[in-house]
Amino acid sequence: MVKGEDRGPLKILHIDPERQWGGGEGQVMGLLGYLALRGHQNRLACDPRGRLKLEAEKNGIATCPVAMRSDIDLRAVLSLRRLIEREGCDIVHFHTKRALALSPWLGRLHPGLRYVVTRRMDYPVRRGWYDRYLYNRKVDGVIAISQKIADLLVEGGVRREKIRVIHSGIDPELFASAWGERKRQGPPVIGTVAVLEERKGHRFLLEAAALLKQEGHRLLYRFAGDGSQREYLKETAIGLGLKEEIAFEGFVSEISNFLSAVDVFVLPSLYEGLGVAVLEAMAAGRPVVATRAGGLPELVEDRVTGFLVPPGDSGGLARAIAQLVSREGLAREMGLSARERVQRHFTVGRMAKKNEDYYYELLGDPKRPALGQMR
């Protein structure tokens, strides 16, 4: 009987060979945890030296090493082929573009096998034959974590019927300790959580902070995250006269504790696949100021759960922050609406259930051609 019809337990191989923790790994772990509770057999192929392997083992997820020396590593391919054949996998889920690059070499090892890839980045897809070949012919389904990403895939030549939008999700209860009105002691605190890279737009938040200071607002700013722009941003803050107002805190492991000390959350991204950090802030009941970049408008309801401004608009960021720190009632109302929105639409359980349903749909669709028959 086709598993898509009887919805029996599945054997799923997840592939994420990235060594550095880039943000999507938390979603992978949430998905694995849900699937395990549902009785599915999961195996995670990941870098043996990466943080994802440690997290998986801590949560009882079986792992196998896949240390890729390049985008096409034949040793990794042979190891994965043997694993897929030995385990009789139903689904192989690629969680990064680098993992997807392995797909041409894995092949259709048995008739029931289905390949799925998740696309998390909102960079345009190159309109070349190779990307079209990967997405249209070498996988059975493409999961986009936002409608913006889905649209970019289509613009890049990926067939829309192959794409399923499944938003990322979080566990709101992990932020229960941060929920509630913060007992403010001292100036309002503006917080942001993002890797310190140009695409995250931190420079524009610093410029907004300088504008707010000129207008007489006494505020503090906490930047959580690390990256290649750390020293540049420190120097920029000093040049703008913000040495005493800005704290660069590096990598923060307990985001709930960080959010407990924040009054307003800001994500000034220039590019953003979806914005899990925004979901975490919303779950903590914090009003959000974000840009209209990538999937962020799919999370933040403008003037309901926070404010949306154009990317790169320092003045817009400053005006939105000023409204929230000046009107505590508005900030409180938006924070409550933000938490309710996450609980209704963006939980990890909801995200994982949609992934599970999609697996079954791909397995149980008798009209779907075999991979070798796709054109």
Foldseek 3Di string as FASTA:
>chain_A
DFCLVVVDAFEEEEEDADAEDAPCLVLVVLLVVLSVVVPHQYEYEYAPNHPSVVVCVVVVHHYDYQHDPDLDDVVSLVVVLVVCVVVVGQEYEYEEVSSLSSQVSNDDSDQRHFYEYEDQWLDAAALDPVVQCSQQQRGQAYEAQAVSSLVSVVVSPHDSVRYDHFHAFAALVLLPVLADDAPDDDAAEEEEEDAPDVQQQVLLQLVLVLVLVVVPGDYAYEYEHYYDCVVVVQVSNVVSVNNPRYDYDHHDPRVSVVLSRHQAYEGQGNAGSACVVLLNNLSSLFAYEYEPHHNPCVQDPDQQLAHYHHRPDSNVVNVRVVVCSVDVVSRNRSSVRSSVSSVVGHHSSSSSVVVSSVSSCSSPDPPRDGSVPGD
